[in-house]
PDB file of N, CA and C in Angstrom:
ATOM      1  N   MET A   1     150.234 -69.344 138.286  1.00  0.00           N
ATOM      2  CA  MET A   1     150.820 -70.072 139.033  1.00  0.00           C
ATOM      3  C   MET A   1     150.120 -71.451 138.392  1.00  0.00           C
ATOM      4  N   PRO A   2     150.200 -71.825 136.681  1.00  0.00           N
ATOM      5  CA  PRO A   2     149.282 -72.937 136.402  1.00  0.00           C
ATOM      6  C   PRO A   2     150.636 -74.066 136.769  1.00  0.00           C
ATOM      7  N   ASN A   3     149.654 -74.998 136.557  1.00  0.00           N
ATOM      8  CA  ASN A   3     149.715 -76.403 137.023  1.00  0.00           C
ATOM      9  C   ASN A   3     150.485 -76.719 138.503  1.00  0.00           C
ATOM     10  N   LYS A   4     150.273 -75.812 139.179  1.00  0.00           N
ATOM     11  CA  LYS A   4     150.887 -76.088 140.733  1.00  0.00           C
ATOM     12  C   LYS A   4     149.436 -76.302 141.501  1.00  0.00           C
ATOM     13  N   ARG A   5     150.271 -77.661 141.745  1.00  0.00           N
ATOM     14  CA  ARG A   5     148.925 -78.458 142.648  1.00  0.00           C
ATOM     15  C   ARG A   5     149.705 -79.262 143.850  1.00  0.00           C
ATOM     16  N   VAL A   6     148.564 -78.340 145.053  1.00  0.00           N
ATOM     17  CA  VAL A   6     148.633 -78.645 146.358  1.00  0.00           C
ATOM     18  C   VAL A   6     147.660 -79.638 147.442  1.00  0.00           C
ATOM     19  N   LEU A   7     148.368 -80.540 147.756  1.00  0.00           N
ATOM     20  CA  LEU A   7     147.676 -81.461 148.635  1.00  0.00           C
ATOM     21  C   LEU A   7     147.582 -80.773 150.056  1.00  0.00           C
ATOM     22  N   CYS A   8     146.123 -80.720 150.571  1.00  0.00           N
ATOM     23  CA  CYS A   8     146.368 -79.831 152.247  1.00  0.00           C
ATOM     24  C   CYS A   8     145.477 -81.644 152.457  1.00  0.00           C
ATOM     25  N   VAL A   9     146.246 -82.031 154.138  1.00  0.00           N
ATOM     26  CA  VAL A   9     146.370 -82.824 154.663  1.00  0.00           C
ATOM     27  C   VAL A   9     145.686 -81.972 155.796  1.00  0.00           C
ATOM     28  N   GLU A  10     144.389 -81.731 156.498  1.00  0.00           N
ATOM     29  CA  GLU A  10     143.628 -81.301 157.375  1.00  0.00           C
ATOM     30  C   GLU A  10     142.283 -82.397 157.955  1.00  0.00           C
ATOM     31  N   ASP A  11     142.417 -82.586 159.037  1.00  0.00           N
ATOM     32  CA  ASP A  11     141.483 -83.011 159.815  1.00  0.00           C
ATOM     33  C   ASP A  11     139.834 -82.061 159.784  1.00  0.00           C
ATOM     34  N   ASN A  12     139.614 -81.031 160.120  1.00  0.00           N
ATOM     35  CA  ASN A  12     139.245 -80.112 160.392  1.00  0.00           C
ATOM     36  C   ASN A  12     138.609 -79.162 159.504  1.00  0.00           C
ATOM     37  N   ALA A  13     136.894 -80.077 159.230  1.00  0.00           N
ATOM     38  CA  ALA A  13     136.412 -79.260 157.956  1.00  0.00           C
ATOM     39  C   ALA A  13     136.528 -78.147 157.687  1.00  0.00           C
ATOM     40  N   ASP A  14     136.179 -77.408 158.828  1.00  0.00           N
ATOM     41  CA  ASP A  14     136.516 -75.914 158.480  1.00  0.00           C
ATOM     42  C   ASP A  14     137.424 -75.197 158.039  1.00  0.00           C
ATOM     43  N   THR A  15     138.785 -75.781 158.690  1.00  0.00           N
ATOM     44  CA  THR A  15     140.080 -74.798 158.298  1.00  0.00           C
ATOM     45  C   THR A  15     140.018 -75.983 156.776  1.00  0.00           C
ATOM     46  N   ARG A  16     139.994 -77.019 156.635  1.00  0.00           N
ATOM     47  CA  ARG A  16     140.315 -78.099 155.153  1.00  0.00           C
ATOM     48  C   ARG A  16     138.895 -76.794 154.460  1.00  0.00           C
ATOM     49  N   ASN A  17     138.014 -76.097 154.630  1.00  0.00           N
ATOM     50  CA  ASN A  17     137.104 -75.837 153.580  1.00  0.00           C
ATOM     51  C   ASN A  17     138.001 -74.259 153.541  1.00  0.00           C
ATOM     52  N   MET A  18     138.065 -73.945 154.089  1.00  0.00           N
ATOM     53  CA  MET A  18     139.463 -72.202 154.332  1.00  0.00           C
ATOM     54  C   MET A  18     140.585 -72.258 153.721  1.00  0.00           C
ATOM     55  N   LEU A  19     141.004 -73.679 153.871  1.00  0.00           N
ATOM     56  CA  LEU A  19     142.590 -73.597 152.548  1.00  0.00           C
ATOM     57  C   LEU A  19     142.195 -73.937 151.575  1.00  0.00           C
ATOM     58  N   ARG A  20     141.205 -74.780 151.135  1.00  0.00           N
ATOM     59  CA  ARG A  20     140.272 -75.050 149.493  1.00  0.00           C
ATOM     60  C   ARG A  20     140.330 -73.670 149.256  1.00  0.00           C
ATOM     61  N   ALA A  21     139.145 -72.603 149.420  1.00  0.00           N
ATOM     62  CA  ALA A  21     139.148 -71.420 149.403  1.00  0.00           C
ATOM     63  C   ALA A  21     140.257 -70.467 148.826  1.00  0.00           C
ATOM     64  N   LYS A  22     141.100 -70.654 150.235  1.00  0.00           N
ATOM     65  CA  LYS A  22     142.301 -69.092 150.033  1.00  0.00           C
ATOM     66  C   LYS A  22     143.116 -69.482 148.907  1.00  0.00           C
ATOM     67  N   LEU A  23     143.132 -70.544 148.852  1.00  0.00           N
ATOM     68  CA  LEU A  23     144.287 -71.467 147.963  1.00  0.00           C
ATOM     69  C   LEU A  23     143.833 -71.216 147.173  1.00  0.00           C
ATOM     70  N   GLY A  24     142.692 -71.265 146.422  1.00  0.00           N
ATOM     71  CA  GLY A  24     141.816 -71.163 144.993  1.00  0.00           C
ATOM     72  C   GLY A  24     141.950 -69.810 144.461  1.00  0.00           C
ATOM     73  N   LEU A  25     141.780 -68.738 145.478  1.00  0.00           N
ATOM     74  CA  LEU A  25     141.407 -67.824 145.436  1.00  0.00           C
ATOM     75  C   LEU A  25     142.813 -66.870 144.847  1.00  0.00           C
ATOM     76  N   SER A  26     144.252 -68.092 144.502  1.00  0.00           N
ATOM     77  CA  SER A  26     145.495 -67.562 144.749  1.00  0.00           C
ATOM     78  C   SER A  26     146.024 -68.622 143.560  1.00  0.00           C
ATOM     79  N   ASP A  27     144.871 -69.107 142.513  1.00  0.00           N
ATOM     80  CA  ASP A  27     145.397 -69.441 141.689  1.00  0.00           C
ATOM     81  C   ASP A  27     146.052 -70.936 142.194  1.00  0.00           C
ATOM     82  N   ILE A  28     145.741 -71.716 142.683  1.00  0.00           N
ATOM     83  CA  ILE A  28     146.853 -73.089 143.434  1.00  0.00           C
ATOM     84  C   ILE A  28     145.625 -73.830 143.489  1.00  0.00           C
ATOM     85  N   GLU A  29     145.783 -74.703 142.487  1.00  0.00           N
ATOM     86  CA  GLU A  29     144.591 -75.636 142.558  1.00  0.00           C
ATOM     87  C   GLU A  29     145.107 -76.659 143.751  1.00  0.00           C
ATOM     88  N   VAL A  30     143.769 -76.704 144.665  1.00  0.00           N
ATOM     89  CA  VAL A  30     143.829 -77.511 145.717  1.00  0.00           C
ATOM     90  C   VAL A  30     143.294 -79.238 145.821  1.00  0.00           C
ATOM     91  N   VAL A  31     144.100 -80.048 146.032  1.00  0.00           N
ATOM     92  CA  VAL A  31     143.291 -81.371 146.645  1.00  0.00           C
ATOM     93  C   VAL A  31     143.338 -81.330 148.170  1.00  0.00           C
ATOM     94  N   VAL A  32     142.449 -81.938 148.692  1.00  0.00           N
ATOM     95  CA  VAL A  32     142.297 -82.130 150.364  1.00  0.00           C
ATOM     96  C   VAL A  32     142.559 -83.336 150.583  1.00  0.00           C
ATOM     97  N   ALA A  33     142.058 -83.719 152.011  1.00  0.00           N
ATOM     98  CA  ALA A  33     142.465 -85.258 152.492  1.00  0.00           C
ATOM     99  C   ALA A  33     142.129 -84.912 153.658  1.00  0.00           C
ATOM    100  N   PRO A  34     141.715 -85.633 154.480  1.00  0.00           N
ATOM    101  CA  PRO A  34     140.735 -85.438 155.684  1.00  0.00           C
ATOM    102  C   PRO A  34     141.893 -86.292 156.572  1.00  0.00           C
ATOM    103  N   ASP A  35     142.798 -87.187 156.058  1.00  0.00           N
ATOM    104  CA  ASP A  35     143.586 -87.570 157.599  1.00  0.00           C
ATOM    105  C   ASP A  35     144.414 -88.423 156.395  1.00  0.00           C
ATOM    106  N   MET A  36     145.402 -89.665 157.440  1.00  0.00           N
ATOM    107  CA  MET A  36     146.833 -89.973 156.785  1.00  0.00           C
ATOM    108  C   MET A  36     145.991 -90.943 155.577  1.00  0.00           C
ATOM    109  N   GLU A  37     145.740 -91.207 155.812  1.00  0.00           N
ATOM    110  CA  GLU A  37     145.444 -92.651 154.953  1.00  0.00           C
ATOM    111  C   GLU A  37     144.820 -92.042 153.923  1.00  0.00           C
ATOM    112  N   ALA A  38     144.390 -90.950 154.003  1.00  0.00           N
ATOM    113  CA  ALA A  38     143.432 -91.131 152.424  1.00  0.00           C
ATOM    114  C   ALA A  38     144.982 -90.048 151.711  1.00  0.00           C
ATOM    115  N   ALA A  39     145.722 -89.556 152.305  1.00  0.00           N
ATOM    116  CA  ALA A  39     146.780 -88.549 152.054  1.00  0.00           C
ATOM    117  C   ALA A  39     147.390 -89.420 151.177  1.00  0.00           C
ATOM    118  N   LEU A  40     147.918 -90.731 151.918  1.00  0.00           N
ATOM    119  CA  LEU A  40     148.395 -91.322 151.496  1.00  0.00           C
ATOM    120  C   LEU A  40     147.950 -92.044 150.076  1.00  0.00           C
ATOM    121  N   ARG A  41     146.560 -92.497 150.090  1.00  0.00           N
ATOM    122  CA  ARG A  41     146.575 -92.759 148.687  1.00  0.00           C
ATOM    123  C   ARG A  41     146.406 -92.079 147.477  1.00  0.00           C
ATOM    124  N   LEU A  42     145.895 -90.279 147.846  1.00  0.00           N
ATOM    125  CA  LEU A  42     146.078 -89.477 146.921  1.00  0.00           C
ATOM    126  C   LEU A  42     147.456 -89.778 146.485  1.00  0.00           C
ATOM    127  N   MET A  43     148.619 -89.907 147.267  1.00  0.00           N
ATOM    128  CA  MET A  43     149.997 -89.339 146.960  1.00  0.00           C
ATOM    129  C   MET A  43     150.217 -90.982 146.252  1.00  0.00           C
ATOM    130  N   GLU A  44     149.759 -92.046 146.137  1.00  0.00           N
ATOM    131  CA  GLU A  44     150.265 -92.852 145.116  1.00  0.00           C
ATOM    132  C   GLU A  44     149.861 -92.943 143.824  1.00  0.00           C
ATOM    133  N   ARG A  45     149.168 -92.190 143.328  1.00  0.00           N
ATOM    134  CA  ARG A  45     148.125 -91.802 142.353  1.00  0.00           C
ATOM    135  C   ARG A  45     148.365 -90.895 141.427  1.00  0.00           C
ATOM    136  N   GLU A  46     148.282 -89.600 142.495  1.00  0.00           N
ATOM    137  CA  GLU A  46     148.416 -88.463 141.902  1.00  0.00           C
ATOM    138  C   GLU A  46     150.167 -87.980 141.677  1.00  0.00           C
ATOM    139  N   GLN A  47     150.028 -86.620 141.417  1.00  0.00           N
ATOM    140  CA  GLN A  47     151.886 -85.726 141.823  1.00  0.00           C
ATOM    141  C   GLN A  47     151.115 -84.393 142.279  1.00  0.00           C
ATOM    142  N   PHE A  48     151.913 -84.205 143.196  1.00  0.00           N
ATOM    143  CA  PHE A  48     151.567 -82.901 143.531  1.00  0.00           C
ATOM    144  C   PHE A  48     153.023 -81.722 143.873  1.00  0.00           C
ATOM    145  N   SER A  49     152.442 -80.500 143.838  1.00  0.00           N
ATOM    146  CA  SER A  49     153.195 -79.734 143.708  1.00  0.00           C
ATOM    147  C   SER A  49     154.310 -79.379 145.278  1.00  0.00           C
ATOM    148  N   LEU A  50     153.733 -79.808 146.185  1.00  0.00           N
ATOM    149  CA  LEU A  50     154.020 -79.285 147.460  1.00  0.00           C
ATOM    150  C   LEU A  50     152.564 -79.896 148.111  1.00  0.00           C
ATOM    151  N   TYR A  51     153.070 -80.376 149.845  1.00  0.00           N
ATOM    152  CA  TYR A  51     152.019 -80.649 150.815  1.00  0.00           C
ATOM    153  C   TYR A  51     151.399 -79.575 151.902  1.00  0.00           C
ATOM    154  N   VAL A  52     150.732 -79.529 152.306  1.00  0.00           N
ATOM    155  CA  VAL A  52     150.315 -79.078 153.323  1.00  0.00           C
ATOM    156  C   VAL A  52     149.732 -79.930 154.492  1.00  0.00           C
ATOM    157  N   LEU A  53     150.426 -79.898 155.610  1.00  0.00           N
ATOM    158  CA  LEU A  53     149.970 -81.047 156.889  1.00  0.00           C
ATOM    159  C   LEU A  53     149.376 -80.174 157.964  1.00  0.00           C
ATOM    160  N   ASP A  54     148.350 -80.316 158.470  1.00  0.00           N
ATOM    161  CA  ASP A  54     147.865 -80.182 160.194  1.00  0.00           C
ATOM    162  C   ASP A  54     149.197 -81.111 160.841  1.00  0.00           C
ATOM    163  N   GLY A  55     149.200 -80.616 162.113  1.00  0.00           N
ATOM    164  CA  GLY A  55     150.393 -80.353 163.027  1.00  0.00           C
ATOM    165  C   GLY A  55     149.804 -81.890 163.684  1.00  0.00           C
ATOM    166  N   GLY A  56     148.895 -81.770 164.189  1.00  0.00           N
ATOM    167  CA  GLY A  56     147.442 -82.546 164.459  1.00  0.00           C
ATOM    168  C   GLY A  56     146.113 -83.217 164.326  1.00  0.00           C
ATOM    169  N   LEU A  57     146.855 -84.269 162.976  1.00  0.00           N
ATOM    170  CA  LEU A  57     145.580 -85.187 162.755  1.00  0.00           C
ATOM    171  C   LEU A  57     145.711 -86.262 163.431  1.00  0.00           C
ATOM    172  N   ARG A  58     144.419 -86.436 163.630  1.00  0.00           N
ATOM    173  CA  ARG A  58     143.797 -87.532 164.368  1.00  0.00           C
ATOM    174  C   ARG A  58     144.574 -89.269 164.731  1.00  0.00           C
ATOM    175  N   GLY A  59     145.103 -89.613 165.604  1.00  0.00           N
ATOM    176  CA  GLY A  59     145.986 -90.402 165.386  1.00  0.00           C
ATOM    177  C   GLY A  59     147.362 -90.268 164.780  1.00  0.00           C
ATOM    178  N   VAL A  60     147.897 -89.419 164.462  1.00  0.00           N
ATOM    179  CA  VAL A  60     148.855 -89.155 163.596  1.00  0.00           C
ATOM    180  C   VAL A  60     149.979 -87.533 164.009  1.00  0.00           C
ATOM    181  N   GLU A  61     150.558 -87.292 164.551  1.00  0.00           N
ATOM    182  CA  GLU A  61     151.205 -85.861 164.480  1.00  0.00           C
ATOM    183  C   GLU A  61     152.072 -85.340 162.849  1.00  0.00           C
ATOM    184  N   GLY A  62     151.841 -84.554 162.536  1.00  0.00           N
ATOM    185  CA  GLY A  62     152.226 -84.291 161.304  1.00  0.00           C
ATOM    186  C   GLY A  62     153.745 -84.414 160.848  1.00  0.00           C
ATOM    187  N   PRO A  63     154.205 -83.824 162.270  1.00  0.00           N
ATOM    188  CA  PRO A  63     155.735 -84.200 161.523  1.00  0.00           C
ATOM    189  C   PRO A  63     155.955 -86.431 161.702  1.00  0.00           C
ATOM    190  N   SER A  64     155.199 -86.980 161.986  1.00  0.00           N
ATOM    191  CA  SER A  64     155.584 -88.468 161.898  1.00  0.00           C
ATOM    192  C   SER A  64     154.823 -88.717 160.325  1.00  0.00           C
ATOM    193  N   LEU A  65     153.623 -87.463 159.695  1.00  0.00           N
ATOM    194  CA  LEU A  65     153.393 -87.828 158.073  1.00  0.00           C
ATOM    195  C   LEU A  65     154.284 -87.423 156.983  1.00  0.00           C
ATOM    196  N   CYS A  66     155.164 -85.820 157.931  1.00  0.00           N
ATOM    197  CA  CYS A  66     156.312 -85.258 157.559  1.00  0.00           C
ATOM    198  C   CYS A  66     157.445 -86.433 156.949  1.00  0.00           C
ATOM    199  N   GLU A  67     157.548 -87.367 157.774  1.00  0.00           N
ATOM    200  CA  GLU A  67     158.728 -88.468 157.865  1.00  0.00           C
ATOM    201  C   GLU A  67     158.162 -89.504 156.701  1.00  0.00           C
ATOM    202  N   GLN A  68     156.975 -89.707 156.751  1.00  0.00           N
ATOM    203  CA  GLN A  68     156.571 -91.277 155.853  1.00  0.00           C
ATOM    204  C   GLN A  68     156.605 -90.378 154.560  1.00  0.00           C
ATOM    205  N   ILE A  69     156.210 -89.234 154.343  1.00  0.00           N
ATOM    206  CA  ILE A  69     156.450 -88.378 152.888  1.00  0.00           C
ATOM    207  C   ILE A  69     157.612 -88.729 152.575  1.00  0.00           C
ATOM    208  N   ARG A  70     158.773 -87.760 153.498  1.00  0.00           N
ATOM    209  CA  ARG A  70     160.341 -87.628 153.269  1.00  0.00           C
ATOM    210  C   ARG A  70     160.894 -89.174 152.522  1.00  0.00           C
ATOM    211  N   ALA A  71     160.202 -90.115 153.607  1.00  0.00           N
ATOM    212  CA  ALA A  71     161.176 -91.640 153.165  1.00  0.00           C
ATOM    213  C   ALA A  71     160.833 -92.288 151.643  1.00  0.00           C
ATOM    214  N   SER A  72     160.080 -91.421 151.163  1.00  0.00           N
ATOM    215  CA  SER A  72     159.307 -91.600 149.352  1.00  0.00           C
ATOM    216  C   SER A  72     159.884 -90.456 148.317  1.00  0.00           C
ATOM    217  N   ASP A  73     159.525 -89.178 149.284  1.00  0.00           N
ATOM    218  CA  ASP A  73     159.595 -87.823 148.270  1.00  0.00           C
ATOM    219  C   ASP A  73     160.305 -86.818 148.846  1.00  0.00           C
ATOM    220  N   ALA A  74     162.318 -86.914 148.613  1.00  0.00           N
ATOM    221  CA  ALA A  74     162.724 -86.060 149.910  1.00  0.00           C
ATOM    222  C   ALA A  74     162.331 -84.371 149.062  1.00  0.00           C
ATOM    223  N   ARG A  75     162.187 -84.573 147.846  1.00  0.00           N
ATOM    224  CA  ARG A  75     162.225 -83.164 147.334  1.00  0.00           C
ATOM    225  C   ARG A  75     160.572 -82.101 147.289  1.00  0.00           C
ATOM    226  N   THR A  76     159.613 -82.946 147.367  1.00  0.00           N
ATOM    227  CA  THR A  76     158.125 -81.904 146.941  1.00  0.00           C
ATOM    228  C   THR A  76     158.396 -81.197 148.389  1.00  0.00           C
ATOM    229  N   PRO A  77     158.046 -79.880 148.284  1.00  0.00           N
ATOM    230  CA  PRO A  77     158.102 -79.283 149.465  1.00  0.00           C
ATOM    231  C   PRO A  77     157.116 -79.617 150.861  1.00  0.00           C
ATOM    232  N   ILE A  78     157.675 -79.173 152.039  1.00  0.00           N
ATOM    233  CA  ILE A  78     156.272 -79.486 152.903  1.00  0.00           C
ATOM    234  C   ILE A  78     156.498 -78.654 153.654  1.00  0.00           C
ATOM    235  N   LEU A  79     154.812 -77.939 153.689  1.00  0.00           N
ATOM    236  CA  LEU A  79     154.421 -76.728 155.126  1.00  0.00           C
ATOM    237  C   LEU A  79     153.951 -77.661 156.192  1.00  0.00           C
ATOM    238  N   ILE A  80     154.638 -77.054 157.313  1.00  0.00           N
ATOM    239  CA  ILE A  80     153.376 -78.108 158.428  1.00  0.00           C
ATOM    240  C   ILE A  80     152.001 -76.832 158.569  1.00  0.00           C
ATOM    241  N   PHE A  81     150.956 -76.885 159.094  1.00  0.00           N
ATOM    242  CA  PHE A  81     150.559 -75.670 159.366  1.00  0.00           C
ATOM    243  C   PHE A  81     149.397 -76.154 160.588  1.00  0.00           C
ATOM    244  N   SER A  82     150.260 -75.784 161.262  1.00  0.00           N
ATOM    245  CA  SER A  82     149.546 -76.293 163.303  1.00  0.00           C
ATOM    246  C   SER A  82     149.575 -75.502 163.993  1.00  0.00           C
ATOM    247  N   GLY A  83     148.076 -75.600 164.817  1.00  0.00           N
ATOM    248  CA  GLY A  83     148.023 -75.079 166.054  1.00  0.00           C
ATOM    249  C   GLY A  83     149.094 -75.600 167.533  1.00  0.00           C
ATOM    250  N   HIS A  84     150.323 -76.580 166.899  1.00  0.00           N
ATOM    251  CA  HIS A  84     150.437 -76.815 167.914  1.00  0.00           C
ATOM    252  C   HIS A  84     152.095 -75.445 167.717  1.00  0.00           C
ATOM    253  N   ALA A  85     152.125 -75.057 168.636  1.00  0.00           N
ATOM    254  CA  ALA A  85     153.188 -73.647 169.024  1.00  0.00           C
ATOM    255  C   ALA A  85     153.898 -73.348 169.627  1.00  0.00           C
ATOM    256  N   PHE A  86     154.315 -74.710 170.354  1.00  0.00           N
ATOM    257  CA  PHE A  86     155.849 -74.360 171.197  1.00  0.00           C
ATOM    258  C   PHE A  86     156.877 -75.114 170.453  1.00  0.00           C
ATOM    259  N   ALA A  87     158.447 -73.984 171.169  1.00  0.00           N
ATOM    260  CA  ALA A  87     159.750 -73.594 170.065  1.00  0.00           C
ATOM    261  C   ALA A  87     159.713 -75.613 169.554  1.00  0.00           C
ATOM    262  N   SER A  88     159.473 -76.743 170.808  1.00  0.00           N
ATOM    263  CA  SER A  88     159.401 -77.928 170.381  1.00  0.00           C
ATOM    264  C   SER A  88     159.146 -78.176 169.162  1.00  0.00           C
ATOM    265  N   ASP A  89     157.062 -77.872 169.066  1.00  0.00           N
ATOM    266  CA  ASP A  89     156.979 -78.162 168.129  1.00  0.00           C
ATOM    267  C   ASP A  89     157.656 -78.416 167.093  1.00  0.00           C
ATOM    268  N   ILE A  90     157.665 -76.596 166.299  1.00  0.00           N
ATOM    269  CA  ILE A  90     158.253 -76.266 165.155  1.00  0.00           C
ATOM    270  C   ILE A  90     159.966 -76.856 165.017  1.00  0.00           C
ATOM    271  N   GLU A  91     160.585 -77.468 165.719  1.00  0.00           N
ATOM    272  CA  GLU A  91     161.576 -77.820 165.750  1.00  0.00           C
ATOM    273  C   GLU A  91     161.626 -79.708 165.286  1.00  0.00           C
ATOM    274  N   ALA A  92     160.572 -80.241 165.895  1.00  0.00           N
ATOM    275  CA  ALA A  92     160.290 -81.660 165.527  1.00  0.00           C
ATOM    276  C   ALA A  92     159.477 -81.459 164.389  1.00  0.00           C
ATOM    277  N   GLY A  93     158.455 -80.681 163.725  1.00  0.00           N
ATOM    278  CA  GLY A  93     158.184 -80.523 162.095  1.00  0.00           C
ATOM    279  C   GLY A  93     159.648 -80.281 161.016  1.00  0.00           C
ATOM    280  N   MET A  94     160.662 -79.470 162.033  1.00  0.00           N
ATOM    281  CA  MET A  94     161.602 -79.111 161.163  1.00  0.00           C
ATOM    282  C   MET A  94     161.929 -80.417 160.893  1.00  0.00           C
ATOM    283  N   LEU A  95     162.499 -80.835 161.767  1.00  0.00           N
ATOM    284  CA  LEU A  95     163.789 -82.034 162.101  1.00  0.00           C
ATOM    285  C   LEU A  95     162.934 -83.136 160.987  1.00  0.00           C
ATOM    286  N   ALA A  96     161.907 -83.184 160.968  1.00  0.00           N
ATOM    287  CA  ALA A  96     161.071 -85.025 160.042  1.00  0.00           C
ATOM    288  C   ALA A  96     161.359 -83.910 159.301  1.00  0.00           C
ATOM    289  N   GLY A  97     161.624 -82.747 158.301  1.00  0.00           N
ATOM    290  CA  GLY A  97     161.732 -82.873 157.025  1.00  0.00           C
ATOM    291  C   GLY A  97     160.809 -81.699 156.364  1.00  0.00           C
ATOM    292  N   ALA A  98     159.757 -81.098 157.468  1.00  0.00           N
ATOM    293  CA  ALA A  98     159.232 -79.733 156.870  1.00  0.00           C
ATOM    294  C   ALA A  98     160.237 -78.578 156.196  1.00  0.00           C
ATOM    295  N   ASN A  99     159.830 -78.072 155.102  1.00  0.00           N
ATOM    296  CA  ASN A  99     160.164 -76.770 155.002  1.00  0.00           C
ATOM    297  C   ASN A  99     160.095 -75.553 155.536  1.00  0.00           C
ATOM    298  N   ALA A 100     158.938 -75.529 155.823  1.00  0.00           N
ATOM    299  CA  ALA A 100     158.442 -73.989 156.786  1.00  0.00           C
ATOM    300  C   ALA A 100     156.994 -74.552 157.520  1.00  0.00           C
ATOM    301  N   TYR A 101     157.181 -73.970 158.643  1.00  0.00           N
ATOM    302  CA  TYR A 101     155.871 -74.357 159.683  1.00  0.00           C
ATOM    303  C   TYR A 101     155.612 -72.546 159.569  1.00  0.00           C
ATOM    304  N   ILE A 102     153.995 -73.233 159.951  1.00  0.00           N
ATOM    305  CA  ILE A 102     153.456 -71.932 160.420  1.00  0.00           C
ATOM    306  C   ILE A 102     152.089 -72.059 161.793  1.00  0.00           C
ATOM    307  N   VAL A 103     151.981 -71.445 162.104  1.00  0.00           N
ATOM    308  CA  VAL A 103     151.263 -71.794 163.379  1.00  0.00           C
ATOM    309  C   VAL A 103     150.041 -70.979 163.216  1.00  0.00           C
ATOM    310  N   LYS A 104     148.771 -71.907 163.348  1.00  0.00           N
ATOM    311  CA  LYS A 104     146.961 -71.806 163.093  1.00  0.00           C
ATOM    312  C   LYS A 104     147.153 -70.618 164.353  1.00  0.00           C
ATOM    313  N   PRO A 105     145.857 -70.109 164.379  1.00  0.00           N
ATOM    314  CA  PRO A 105     145.101 -69.561 163.267  1.00  0.00           C
ATOM    315  C   PRO A 105     145.344 -68.385 162.241  1.00  0.00           C
ATOM    316  N   ASP A 106     147.069 -68.110 162.574  1.00  0.00           N
ATOM    317  CA  ASP A 106     147.333 -67.149 161.409  1.00  0.00           C
ATOM    318  C   ASP A 106     147.728 -67.946 160.502  1.00  0.00           C
ATOM    319  N   SER A 107     146.834 -67.133 159.617  1.00  0.00           N
ATOM    320  CA  SER A 107     147.223 -67.918 158.363  1.00  0.00           C
ATOM    321  C   SER A 107     147.922 -66.444 157.051  1.00  0.00           C
ATOM    322  N   SER A 108     147.681 -65.524 157.323  1.00  0.00           N
ATOM    323  CA  SER A 108     148.314 -64.397 157.095  1.00  0.00           C
ATOM    324  C   SER A 108     149.733 -64.841 155.912  1.00  0.00           C
ATOM    325  N   GLU A 109     150.847 -65.500 156.964  1.00  0.00           N
ATOM    326  CA  GLU A 109     151.884 -65.814 156.022  1.00  0.00           C
ATOM    327  C   GLU A 109     151.618 -67.070 154.704  1.00  0.00           C
ATOM    328  N   LEU A 110     150.220 -67.875 154.748  1.00  0.00           N
ATOM    329  CA  LEU A 110     150.202 -69.610 154.228  1.00  0.00           C
ATOM    330  C   LEU A 110     150.326 -68.661 153.039  1.00  0.00           C
ATOM    331  N   ILE A 111     149.984 -68.246 151.915  1.00  0.00           N
ATOM    332  CA  ILE A 111     149.923 -68.127 150.697  1.00  0.00           C
ATOM    333  C   ILE A 111     151.189 -67.662 150.230  1.00  0.00           C
ATOM    334  N   PRO A 112     152.040 -66.497 150.046  1.00  0.00           N
ATOM    335  CA  PRO A 112     153.322 -66.090 150.058  1.00  0.00           C
ATOM    336  C   PRO A 112     154.041 -67.172 150.420  1.00  0.00           C
ATOM    337  N   THR A 113     153.954 -68.038 151.860  1.00  0.00           N
ATOM    338  CA  THR A 113     155.151 -68.704 151.925  1.00  0.00           C
ATOM    339  C   THR A 113     154.638 -70.056 151.334  1.00  0.00           C
ATOM    340  N   ILE A 114     153.629 -70.380 151.015  1.00  0.00           N
ATOM    341  CA  ILE A 114     153.223 -71.535 149.722  1.00  0.00           C
ATOM    342  C   ILE A 114     153.947 -70.938 148.714  1.00  0.00           C
ATOM    343  N   ARG A 115     153.718 -69.837 147.980  1.00  0.00           N
ATOM    344  CA  ARG A 115     154.595 -69.298 146.746  1.00  0.00           C
ATOM    345  C   ARG A 115     156.237 -69.360 146.557  1.00  0.00           C
ATOM    346  N   ARG A 116     156.522 -69.188 147.945  1.00  0.00           N
ATOM    347  CA  ARG A 116     158.119 -69.175 148.013  1.00  0.00           C
ATOM    348  C   ARG A 116     158.467 -70.421 148.024  1.00  0.00           C
ATOM    349  N   LEU A 117     157.850 -71.779 148.860  1.00  0.00           N
ATOM    350  CA  LEU A 117     158.466 -73.112 148.230  1.00  0.00           C
ATOM    351  C   LEU A 117     158.177 -73.549 147.094  1.00  0.00           C
ATOM    352  N   LEU A 118     157.172 -72.761 146.430  1.00  0.00           N
ATOM    353  CA  LEU A 118     157.113 -73.279 144.672  1.00  0.00           C
ATOM    354  C   LEU A 118     157.307 -72.912 143.703  1.00  0.00           C
ATOM    355  N   GLU A 119     158.020 -71.674 144.442  1.00  0.00           N
ATOM    356  CA  GLU A 119     158.825 -70.929 143.246  1.00  0.00           C
ATOM    357  C   GLU A 119     160.429 -71.323 143.656  1.00  0.00           C
ATOM    358  N   ALA A 120     160.572 -71.828 144.869  1.00  0.00           N
ATOM    359  CA  ALA A 120     162.254 -72.492 144.721  1.00  0.00           C
ATOM    360  C   ALA A 120     162.488 -73.516 144.268  1.00  0.00           C
ATOM    361  N   ALA A 121     161.217 -74.761 144.700  1.00  0.00           N
ATOM    362  CA  ALA A 121     161.340 -76.178 144.598  1.00  0.00           C
ATOM    363  C   ALA A 121     161.017 -76.048 142.577  1.00  0.00           C
ATOM    364  N   ALA A 122     160.415 -75.172 141.861  1.00  0.00           N
ATOM    365  CA  ALA A 122     160.680 -74.762 140.249  1.00  0.00           C
ATOM    366  C   ALA A 122     161.517 -74.455 139.941  1.00  0.00           C
ATOM    367  N   GLY A 123     162.709 -74.129 140.732  1.00  0.00           N
ATOM    368  CA  GLY A 123     164.120 -73.728 140.041  1.00  0.00           C
ATOM    369  C   GLY A 123     165.210 -73.291 140.969  1.00  0.00           C
TER     370      GLY A 123
END
């Protein structure tokens, strides 16, 4: 999947490393940010094909960051990858503008979902 860049916003270093490794093995270029502020700075300077957001960043919930992204970018797909597993959490993420929601720690659907979202956005 050439020229596909994914921004992963995750405050847990182990999960950031897992995302970087797993997506890298799938030939997807990965940029990681440890918090919302770093993510927003990166989004101002760079283009991304997809955003993967932690559902529970320190100081801000994933749906809130999702809403902030949607306020300026209605097109780039957003996947929330979260330990928050209640139906109300998933609903909040989807209502905030996410295209998909995957509950941690199960990452088995991560790559197929990312590929599906990237393909849908491309055409």
